[in-house]
Amino acid sequence: MSAKVLIVDDEKVIRESLEILLRDEGYKAETAADGEEALQKISNDDYDVVLTDIKMPKVDGIELMQKAARISPETFFIIMTAYASVKTAIEALREGAYDYLIKPVEFDDVILRLKRLVSYKKLSTENRSLRQRLSSEIGFQNIIGKSEPMQRVFDLISRVSQTNSNVLIVGKSGTGKELVAKAIHYNGHRKDQIFLPVNCGAISENLIESELFGHKKGAFTGATEDKLGLFKVADGGTLFLDEIGDLPLNMQVKLLRVLEDKQFIPVGATRPVTTDVRIIAATNQNLFEKTKTGEFREDLYYRLNVVEIKLPSLNERREDIPVLVNHFIEKFRIEMGRRIVGVDNETMRLLMNHDWRGGVRELENVIERAIIFARDEIITINDLSDYLKGNTFSDNFPDALKDALKIFEREHIIKTIKKYNYDKEEAAKALMIGLSSLYRKMEELDIPTKAPKEVEE
């Protein structure tokens, strides 16, 4: 689609000649005799570019640009002036003009600058659209959950994303550690810089130093050219070190030095290289226990663990399952072009009772498969994999989802309190809720709060 241009000039011969020129070049061109008429047209229509004289009666070019910015901020301006003074041109640029032309204008110059502006505007629009789409893909929208543990996670993301502090994300496989890391990055001030994920367990031990810190040509056999390390590639952005617990001890020492000094020495080099990266690490292991056995450096653990975000497993936030199920149904029915609107009560009850060892990722795969094999608009148990039907916590749940949630919640709280020898403060921490919230839940669900002997399952 060709760009739409509004030509504004109080000299009829200029605006008409420019109109003919631009239409011959394939633009949609319209004219206005002064700034006041131009404002009316801009209010009623969309223009990609306004090509305007700076000296006009009623409303001049600068005022036109200022007023148009409030009603049509996506419109770009090129100012024409017969006054070849630097001061006039600079004032126009300061007020937001993209470019300026000196009268009498040369037609070739007009076309050249207009083409340049239209290309820039198109690229700017595409980049903004890409950023918005990217933001929606990796922002909070894709971290689904309304449970109390997930609300706590959202709060931590909001707080820590505005800082440069190192973050350690802890959670089992399938809990969404990388999604949380991306949400922290893209909601912080580094969002326009690179987010670079690295799986520390997927790189062989003899290559990991070169991958992280780079190397010089000839540093070892096969090093035929200089290579930038990931710490330099991510300079200015965020480096996400997934499975940090698998990092070899010798590399843990070097990582600690980078975190402390903001510099490193590539393999085969003699001079240090500086870097400014934010580190977000993640693990499904108990790093604190690994520090006791000497498998993970204690000083590195505390350096990484400035802020720790513990992600609950899906089994620990079962009230989110219906929300997640609906989210994945919406996702896959659009991708596959299927008219699937939901699951029946029996299927939802089974999904609520299942032991989700693979976490959210397992649930996503289950829903994707179910949509493939669904015979009707409603997913039934017959559309699920056979293994789901024999791997549930209990079959004694009512049909109503609300009642099933309450029963599970009660059983889970009682089980957790017993696990921590009826220490309610420790149980509340494990449940990732406040102590007052635990007592409130116990009262709502009729769970005895006194002596252990009174707690019944």
Protein backbone atom coordinates (compact mmCIF):
# COMPACT_ATOMS: atom_id res chain seq x y z
CA MET A 1 0.00 0.00 0.00
CA SER A 2 1.38 3.40 -1.02
CA ALA A 3 1.99 6.11 1.58
CA LYS A 4 -0.53 8.89 2.02
CA VAL A 5 0.94 12.42 1.98
CA LEU A 6 -0.66 15.76 2.83
CA ILE A 7 0.96 18.79 1.15
CA VAL A 8 0.42 22.06 3.02
CA ASP A 9 1.43 25.39 1.42
CA ASP A 10 -0.27 28.74 0.94
CA GLU A 11 1.23 29.02 -2.55
CA LYS A 12 -1.12 27.22 -4.94
CA VAL A 13 1.49 26.57 -7.63
CA ILE A 14 3.81 24.83 -5.15
CA ARG A 15 1.22 22.54 -3.60
CA GLU A 16 -0.31 21.59 -6.96
CA SER A 17 3.04 20.84 -8.58
CA LEU A 18 4.08 18.72 -5.60
CA GLU A 19 0.74 16.92 -5.72
CA ILE A 20 1.25 15.99 -9.38
CA LEU A 21 4.85 14.91 -8.69
CA LEU A 22 3.92 12.64 -5.78
CA ARG A 23 0.98 11.04 -7.55
CA ASP A 24 3.22 10.29 -10.53
CA GLU A 25 5.57 8.54 -8.08
CA GLY A 26 2.71 6.39 -6.75
CA TYR A 27 1.88 8.26 -3.55
CA LYS A 28 -1.64 9.17 -2.43
CA ALA A 29 -1.38 12.96 -2.30
CA GLU A 30 -3.78 15.59 -1.00
CA THR A 31 -3.35 19.32 -0.38
CA ALA A 32 -4.31 22.03 2.11
CA ALA A 33 -3.94 25.80 1.61
CA ASP A 34 -2.95 26.58 5.22
CA GLY A 35 -2.34 25.03 8.62
CA GLU A 36 -5.93 25.42 9.77
CA GLU A 37 -7.28 23.43 6.81
CA ALA A 38 -4.52 20.87 7.30
CA LEU A 39 -5.53 20.34 10.95
CA GLN A 40 -9.11 19.64 9.90
CA LYS A 41 -7.93 17.07 7.36
CA ILE A 42 -5.56 15.41 9.85
CA SER A 43 -8.42 15.21 12.37
CA ASN A 44 -10.63 13.40 9.87
CA ASP A 45 -8.13 11.19 8.05
CA ASP A 46 -4.86 9.31 8.52
CA TYR A 47 -1.71 10.54 6.79
CA ASP A 48 1.68 8.89 6.80
CA VAL A 49 3.56 12.12 6.05
CA VAL A 50 2.78 15.83 6.09
CA LEU A 51 4.95 17.98 3.81
CA THR A 52 4.37 21.52 5.04
CA ASP A 53 5.61 25.05 4.57
CA ILE A 54 6.83 26.68 7.78
CA LYS A 55 5.51 30.22 7.12
CA MET A 56 1.74 30.31 6.57
CA PRO A 57 -1.23 32.42 7.68
CA LYS A 58 -3.54 31.37 10.56
CA VAL A 59 -1.50 28.34 11.68
CA ASP A 60 2.19 28.06 10.74
CA GLY A 61 4.15 24.85 10.17
CA ILE A 62 5.58 24.58 13.69
CA GLU A 63 2.18 25.09 15.33
CA LEU A 64 0.58 22.66 12.90
CA MET A 65 3.15 20.03 13.85
CA GLN A 66 2.61 20.61 17.58
CA LYS A 67 -1.18 20.33 17.34
CA ALA A 68 -1.08 17.38 14.95
CA ALA A 69 1.15 15.47 17.38
CA ARG A 70 -1.75 15.37 19.85
CA ILE A 71 -4.34 14.03 17.40
CA SER A 72 -2.17 11.98 15.06
CA PRO A 73 1.13 10.99 16.76
CA GLU A 74 1.92 8.43 14.04
CA THR A 75 2.13 11.12 11.32
CA PHE A 76 5.64 12.24 10.33
CA PHE A 77 6.49 15.80 9.25
CA ILE A 78 8.88 17.23 6.67
CA ILE A 79 9.17 21.02 6.93
CA MET A 80 9.77 23.30 3.92
CA THR A 81 11.24 26.74 4.52
CA ALA A 82 12.32 29.60 2.30
CA TYR A 83 14.48 30.86 5.11
CA ALA A 84 17.76 29.05 4.83
CA SER A 85 18.69 29.76 8.41
CA VAL A 86 20.09 27.06 10.65
CA LYS A 87 17.98 28.40 13.52
CA THR A 88 14.67 27.77 11.71
CA ALA A 89 15.66 24.26 10.69
CA ILE A 90 16.91 23.36 14.15
CA GLU A 91 13.70 24.65 15.75
CA ALA A 92 11.63 22.45 13.42
CA LEU A 93 13.75 19.38 14.19
CA ARG A 94 13.53 20.06 17.93
CA GLU A 95 9.77 20.21 17.70
CA GLY A 96 9.68 16.76 16.14
CA ALA A 97 10.12 17.20 12.38
CA TYR A 98 11.77 14.23 10.71
CA ASP A 99 13.52 16.37 8.06
CA TYR A 100 13.45 19.78 6.38
CA LEU A 101 13.79 21.14 2.84
CA ILE A 102 14.98 24.56 1.67
CA LYS A 103 12.84 26.39 -0.88
CA PRO A 104 12.85 26.40 -3.80
CA VAL A 105 12.69 22.63 -3.36
CA GLU A 106 14.24 20.30 -5.89
CA PHE A 107 11.84 17.57 -6.95
CA ASP A 108 14.48 14.85 -6.93
CA ASP A 109 15.40 15.83 -3.37
CA VAL A 110 11.74 15.70 -2.29
CA ILE A 111 11.30 12.17 -3.69
CA LEU A 112 14.58 10.95 -2.17
CA ARG A 113 13.78 12.21 1.32
CA LEU A 114 10.20 11.05 1.15
CA LYS A 115 11.26 7.53 0.16
CA ARG A 116 13.77 7.52 3.00
CA LEU A 117 11.11 8.63 5.49
CA VAL A 118 8.49 6.12 4.32
CA SER A 119 11.05 3.29 4.60
CA TYR A 120 11.99 4.44 8.10
CA LYS A 121 8.34 4.71 9.14
CA LYS A 122 7.59 1.21 7.86
CA LEU A 123 10.60 -0.24 9.68
CA SER A 124 9.70 1.64 12.86
CA THR A 125 6.13 0.32 12.74
CA GLU A 126 7.31 -3.25 12.12
CA ASN A 127 9.81 -3.05 14.99
CA ARG A 128 7.18 -1.70 17.36
CA SER A 129 4.76 -4.43 16.30
CA LEU A 130 7.47 -7.05 16.81
CA ARG A 131 8.29 -5.70 20.27
CA GLN A 132 4.62 -5.72 21.23
CA ARG A 133 4.17 -9.28 19.98
CA LEU A 134 7.36 -10.37 21.69
CA SER A 135 6.27 -8.67 24.88
CA SER A 136 2.95 -10.50 24.80
CA GLU A 137 4.70 -13.80 24.14
CA ILE A 138 7.19 -13.54 26.98
CA GLY A 139 5.53 -11.19 29.43
CA PHE A 140 3.27 -12.04 32.34
CA GLN A 141 0.49 -13.17 29.99
CA ASN A 142 2.09 -16.56 29.39
CA ILE A 143 2.77 -17.24 33.06
CA ILE A 144 -0.68 -18.50 33.89
CA GLY A 145 -1.95 -18.72 37.44
CA LYS A 146 -4.25 -17.09 39.95
CA SER A 147 -3.28 -19.22 42.96
CA GLU A 148 -1.65 -17.61 45.97
CA PRO A 149 1.79 -19.17 45.28
CA MET A 150 1.76 -17.79 41.72
CA GLN A 151 0.61 -14.36 42.87
CA ARG A 152 3.65 -14.29 45.10
CA VAL A 153 5.85 -15.19 42.12
CA PHE A 154 4.28 -12.37 40.06
CA ASP A 155 5.01 -9.93 42.87
CA LEU A 156 8.67 -11.00 43.00
CA ILE A 157 9.00 -10.66 39.21
CA SER A 158 7.58 -7.14 39.34
CA ARG A 159 9.95 -6.09 42.09
CA VAL A 160 13.16 -7.66 40.83
CA SER A 161 12.69 -6.74 37.15
CA GLN A 162 13.32 -3.08 37.97
CA THR A 163 16.77 -3.87 39.39
CA ASN A 164 20.07 -5.27 38.14
CA SER A 165 20.35 -7.81 40.95
CA ASN A 166 21.25 -11.42 40.22
CA VAL A 167 18.30 -13.80 40.47
CA LEU A 168 18.19 -17.54 41.17
CA ILE A 169 15.04 -19.31 39.97
CA VAL A 170 14.42 -22.65 41.65
CA GLY A 171 11.84 -25.15 40.46
CA LYS A 172 11.23 -28.60 39.07
CA SER A 173 11.25 -29.30 35.35
CA GLY A 174 8.11 -27.98 33.71
CA THR A 175 7.48 -25.16 36.18
CA GLY A 176 8.37 -22.41 33.70
CA LYS A 177 11.78 -21.18 34.86
CA GLU A 178 12.73 -19.70 31.48
CA LEU A 179 9.35 -17.97 31.15
CA VAL A 180 9.97 -16.28 34.51
CA ALA A 181 13.48 -15.27 33.44
CA LYS A 182 12.12 -13.73 30.25
CA ALA A 183 9.40 -11.89 32.18
CA ILE A 184 12.06 -10.38 34.46
CA HIS A 185 14.19 -9.30 31.48
CA TYR A 186 11.42 -7.91 29.27
CA ASN A 187 9.80 -5.98 32.11
CA GLY A 188 13.08 -4.32 33.10
CA HIS A 189 15.22 -1.55 31.66
CA ARG A 190 17.28 -4.04 29.61
CA LYS A 191 14.21 -5.13 27.62
CA ASP A 192 15.51 -3.64 24.36
CA GLN A 193 18.78 -5.58 24.69
CA ILE A 194 19.45 -9.28 24.13
CA PHE A 195 18.06 -12.08 26.31
CA LEU A 196 20.43 -15.01 25.86
CA PRO A 197 19.57 -18.43 27.36
CA VAL A 198 22.35 -20.95 27.98
CA ASN A 199 21.84 -24.53 29.19
CA CYS A 200 24.92 -25.20 31.31
CA GLY A 201 24.22 -28.93 31.33
CA ALA A 202 24.06 -29.20 27.53
CA ILE A 203 27.61 -27.95 26.81
CA SER A 204 30.49 -30.40 27.12
CA GLU A 205 32.99 -29.60 29.87
CA ASN A 206 35.90 -29.08 27.47
CA LEU A 207 33.95 -26.50 25.44
CA ILE A 208 32.08 -24.56 28.08
CA GLU A 209 34.86 -22.05 28.84
CA SER A 210 35.20 -21.18 25.17
CA GLU A 211 31.41 -20.90 24.82
CA LEU A 212 31.01 -18.57 27.78
CA PHE A 213 34.17 -16.47 27.47
CA GLY A 214 35.28 -16.91 23.85
CA HIS A 215 38.73 -17.67 22.52
CA LYS A 216 41.52 -16.28 20.38
CA LYS A 217 42.59 -17.77 17.08
CA GLY A 218 45.09 -20.58 17.65
CA ALA A 219 44.24 -20.96 21.35
CA PHE A 220 43.65 -24.68 20.81
CA THR A 221 43.30 -27.20 17.99
CA GLY A 222 40.35 -26.18 15.87
CA ALA A 223 40.38 -22.53 16.95
CA THR A 224 40.78 -21.20 13.40
CA GLU A 225 39.42 -17.73 14.22
CA ASP A 226 38.58 -15.46 17.13
CA LYS A 227 35.24 -16.21 18.80
CA LEU A 228 33.15 -13.97 21.03
CA GLY A 229 31.99 -15.61 24.23
CA LEU A 230 28.35 -15.53 25.31
CA PHE A 231 29.21 -13.12 28.11
CA LYS A 232 30.29 -10.60 25.46
CA VAL A 233 27.45 -11.42 23.05
CA ALA A 234 24.99 -10.64 25.86
CA ASP A 235 26.77 -7.40 26.80
CA GLY A 236 24.14 -4.88 27.89
CA GLY A 237 21.44 -7.54 28.15
CA THR A 238 20.62 -10.60 30.25
CA LEU A 239 22.38 -13.97 30.33
CA PHE A 240 20.10 -16.76 31.52
CA LEU A 241 22.20 -19.62 32.91
CA ASP A 242 19.82 -22.58 33.03
CA GLU A 243 20.77 -25.73 34.99
CA ILE A 244 23.49 -23.78 36.79
CA GLY A 245 23.97 -26.72 39.17
CA ASP A 246 25.63 -28.66 36.32
CA LEU A 247 28.41 -26.08 35.88
CA PRO A 248 31.84 -27.69 36.50
CA LEU A 249 33.72 -26.50 39.60
CA ASN A 250 36.57 -24.93 37.62
CA MET A 251 34.04 -22.86 35.67
CA GLN A 252 32.27 -21.88 38.88
CA VAL A 253 35.47 -20.11 39.96
CA LYS A 254 35.65 -18.18 36.69
CA LEU A 255 31.95 -17.31 36.78
CA LEU A 256 32.37 -15.92 40.29
CA ARG A 257 35.20 -13.70 39.06
CA VAL A 258 33.05 -12.33 36.24
CA LEU A 259 30.24 -11.55 38.66
CA GLU A 260 32.64 -9.72 40.98
CA ASP A 261 34.87 -7.89 38.47
CA LYS A 262 32.59 -7.57 35.40
CA GLN A 263 35.45 -8.82 33.24
CA PHE A 264 36.98 -12.07 31.98
CA ILE A 265 39.88 -13.33 29.88
CA PRO A 266 39.03 -15.30 26.70
CA VAL A 267 40.84 -18.60 26.16
CA GLY A 268 44.27 -17.86 24.70
CA ALA A 269 44.09 -14.12 25.43
CA THR A 270 46.19 -12.08 27.84
CA ARG A 271 44.02 -9.03 28.36
CA PRO A 272 40.69 -8.95 30.19
CA VAL A 273 37.44 -8.10 28.39
CA THR A 274 34.73 -6.12 30.18
CA THR A 275 31.06 -7.00 30.09
CA ASP A 276 27.84 -5.58 31.50
CA VAL A 277 25.34 -8.41 31.77
CA ARG A 278 22.59 -9.24 34.18
CA ILE A 279 22.72 -12.82 35.39
CA ILE A 280 19.58 -14.87 35.95
CA ALA A 281 20.35 -18.46 36.92
CA ALA A 282 17.98 -21.40 37.27
CA THR A 283 18.16 -24.88 38.71
CA ASN A 284 16.00 -27.88 39.57
CA GLN A 285 18.57 -29.00 42.14
CA ASN A 286 19.10 -28.07 45.78
CA LEU A 287 22.18 -25.89 45.40
CA PHE A 288 22.42 -25.22 49.13
CA GLU A 289 22.78 -28.95 49.79
CA LYS A 290 25.38 -29.14 47.01
CA THR A 291 27.44 -26.46 48.77
CA LYS A 292 27.63 -28.77 51.82
CA THR A 293 29.03 -31.63 49.73
CA GLY A 294 31.46 -29.36 47.89
CA GLU A 295 29.77 -29.85 44.52
CA PHE A 296 28.84 -26.18 44.30
CA ARG A 297 30.84 -23.22 45.57
CA GLU A 298 29.21 -21.55 48.54
CA ASP A 299 30.49 -18.08 47.58
CA LEU A 300 29.04 -18.43 44.08
CA TYR A 301 25.74 -19.66 45.50
CA TYR A 302 25.31 -16.53 47.60
CA ARG A 303 26.48 -14.30 44.74
CA LEU A 304 23.83 -15.78 42.42
CA ASN A 305 21.16 -15.97 45.07
CA VAL A 306 20.65 -12.25 45.72
CA VAL A 307 16.96 -12.83 45.05
CA GLU A 308 15.54 -16.34 44.99
CA ILE A 309 12.26 -17.15 43.23
CA LYS A 310 10.86 -20.58 44.09
CA LEU A 311 8.39 -21.85 41.53
CA PRO A 312 5.67 -24.15 42.84
CA SER A 313 5.06 -27.40 41.02
CA LEU A 314 1.70 -27.90 39.35
CA ASN A 315 0.79 -30.35 42.11
CA GLU A 316 1.30 -27.50 44.60
CA ARG A 317 -1.07 -25.14 42.79
CA ARG A 318 -3.88 -27.36 41.56
CA GLU A 319 -6.40 -24.52 41.63
CA ASP A 320 -4.58 -23.19 38.52
CA ILE A 321 -5.27 -26.35 36.49
CA PRO A 322 -8.66 -25.22 35.10
CA VAL A 323 -7.18 -21.87 34.05
CA LEU A 324 -4.23 -23.61 32.39
CA VAL A 325 -6.48 -26.12 30.65
CA ASN A 326 -8.57 -23.32 29.13
CA HIS A 327 -5.42 -21.45 28.12
CA PHE A 328 -3.96 -24.44 26.29
CA ILE A 329 -7.29 -25.27 24.65
CA GLU A 330 -7.48 -21.74 23.30
CA LYS A 331 -3.87 -21.93 22.11
CA PHE A 332 -4.09 -25.25 20.28
CA ARG A 333 -7.59 -24.92 18.86
CA ILE A 334 -6.44 -21.77 17.06
CA GLU A 335 -3.23 -23.42 15.85
CA MET A 336 -5.06 -26.53 14.64
CA GLY A 337 -8.25 -24.88 13.45
CA ARG A 338 -10.38 -27.08 15.74
CA ARG A 339 -13.68 -26.02 17.31
CA ILE A 340 -12.93 -27.20 20.83
CA VAL A 341 -14.63 -25.22 23.60
CA GLY A 342 -13.61 -27.05 26.78
CA VAL A 343 -13.54 -30.31 28.75
CA ASP A 344 -16.37 -32.14 30.49
CA ASN A 345 -16.59 -32.43 34.30
CA GLU A 346 -15.28 -35.99 34.41
CA THR A 347 -12.20 -35.04 32.40
CA MET A 348 -11.52 -31.95 34.49
CA ARG A 349 -11.84 -34.04 37.65
CA LEU A 350 -9.28 -36.51 36.28
CA LEU A 351 -6.91 -33.69 35.34
CA MET A 352 -7.30 -32.18 38.81
CA ASN A 353 -6.45 -35.52 40.43
CA HIS A 354 -3.50 -36.49 38.22
CA ASP A 355 0.02 -36.55 39.66
CA TRP A 356 1.69 -34.01 37.37
CA ARG A 357 5.31 -35.10 37.58
CA GLY A 358 6.08 -33.28 34.32
CA GLY A 359 4.46 -30.07 35.53
CA VAL A 360 2.82 -27.52 33.27
CA ARG A 361 4.70 -28.86 30.25
CA GLU A 362 3.11 -32.28 30.73
CA LEU A 363 -0.34 -30.71 31.01
CA GLU A 364 0.26 -28.73 27.83
CA ASN A 365 1.21 -31.90 25.96
CA VAL A 366 -1.87 -33.71 27.29
CA ILE A 367 -4.20 -30.95 26.05
CA GLU A 368 -2.45 -30.76 22.67
CA ARG A 369 -2.92 -34.51 22.16
CA ALA A 370 -6.52 -34.36 23.34
CA ILE A 371 -7.39 -31.66 20.82
CA ILE A 372 -5.88 -33.78 18.04
CA PHE A 373 -8.05 -36.77 18.94
CA ALA A 374 -11.19 -34.99 20.19
CA ARG A 375 -14.31 -36.18 18.35
CA ASP A 376 -16.59 -33.38 19.51
CA GLU A 377 -16.37 -29.80 20.73
CA ILE A 378 -15.95 -31.02 24.31
CA ILE A 379 -12.88 -33.05 25.33
CA THR A 380 -13.79 -36.26 27.17
CA ILE A 381 -11.77 -38.89 29.02
CA ASN A 382 -11.77 -41.01 25.85
CA ASP A 383 -9.66 -38.30 24.17
CA LEU A 384 -6.90 -38.52 26.83
CA SER A 385 -3.89 -40.81 26.94
CA ASP A 386 -4.46 -44.11 28.74
CA TYR A 387 -1.66 -43.48 31.26
CA LEU A 388 -3.63 -40.57 32.77
CA LYS A 389 -6.50 -42.79 33.84
CA GLY A 390 -4.44 -44.84 36.29
CA ASN A 391 -2.21 -42.16 37.78
CA THR A 392 -4.38 -40.00 40.01
CA PHE A 393 -4.38 -39.07 43.69
CA SER A 394 -7.95 -40.03 44.48
CA ASP A 395 -11.19 -40.94 42.79
CA ASN A 396 -13.32 -39.63 45.65
CA PHE A 397 -13.79 -36.14 44.28
CA PRO A 398 -17.22 -34.64 43.51
CA ASP A 399 -18.26 -33.58 40.05
CA ALA A 400 -18.43 -29.86 40.86
CA LEU A 401 -15.03 -28.30 40.24
CA LYS A 402 -15.36 -25.88 43.14
CA ASP A 403 -16.05 -28.71 45.61
CA ALA A 404 -13.22 -30.84 44.18
CA LEU A 405 -10.76 -27.98 44.66
CA LYS A 406 -11.78 -27.56 48.29
CA ILE A 407 -11.35 -31.26 49.02
CA PHE A 408 -7.94 -31.39 47.40
CA GLU A 409 -6.85 -28.18 49.14
CA ARG A 410 -7.88 -29.58 52.52
CA GLU A 411 -6.07 -32.89 51.96
CA HIS A 412 -2.93 -31.14 50.72
CA ILE A 413 -2.76 -28.73 53.67
CA ILE A 414 -3.25 -31.55 56.19
CA LYS A 415 -0.56 -33.62 54.43
CA THR A 416 1.88 -30.69 54.49
CA ILE A 417 1.23 -29.87 58.16
CA LYS A 418 1.93 -33.50 59.06
CA LYS A 419 5.09 -33.49 56.92
CA TYR A 420 6.48 -30.62 59.01
CA ASN A 421 5.48 -32.21 62.32
CA TYR A 422 2.60 -29.78 62.80
CA ASP A 423 4.92 -26.75 62.73
CA LYS A 424 2.48 -24.39 61.04
CA GLU A 425 5.09 -21.72 60.36
CA GLU A 426 7.23 -24.19 58.42
CA ALA A 427 4.16 -25.62 56.71
CA ALA A 428 3.11 -22.11 55.60
CA LYS A 429 6.59 -21.54 54.10
CA ALA A 430 6.40 -24.85 52.23
CA LEU A 431 2.92 -23.97 50.94
CA MET A 432 4.31 -20.54 49.93
CA ILE A 433 1.60 -18.66 51.83
CA GLY A 434 1.67 -16.45 54.88
CA LEU A 435 1.04 -17.92 58.35
CA SER A 436 -2.15 -15.85 58.71
CA SER A 437 -3.31 -17.18 55.31
CA LEU A 438 -2.70 -20.73 56.49
CA TYR A 439 -4.80 -20.22 59.60
CA ARG A 440 -7.55 -18.64 57.50
CA LYS A 441 -7.49 -21.61 55.10
CA MET A 442 -7.62 -24.06 58.01
CA GLU A 443 -10.66 -22.29 59.39
CA GLU A 444 -12.39 -22.17 55.99
CA LEU A 445 -11.71 -25.86 55.31
CA ASP A 446 -12.53 -27.01 58.85
CA ILE A 447 -9.01 -28.23 59.62
CA PRO A 448 -8.37 -28.48 63.40
CA THR A 449 -5.72 -26.01 64.55
CA LYS A 450 -4.96 -27.43 67.99
CA ALA A 451 -3.07 -30.51 69.15
CA PRO A 452 -1.71 -32.95 66.52
CA LYS A 453 -3.93 -35.71 67.85
CA GLU A 454 -6.95 -33.65 66.85
CA VAL A 455 -5.88 -33.31 63.21
CA GLU A 456 -7.79 -35.84 61.18
CA GLU A 457 -7.49 -36.66 57.56
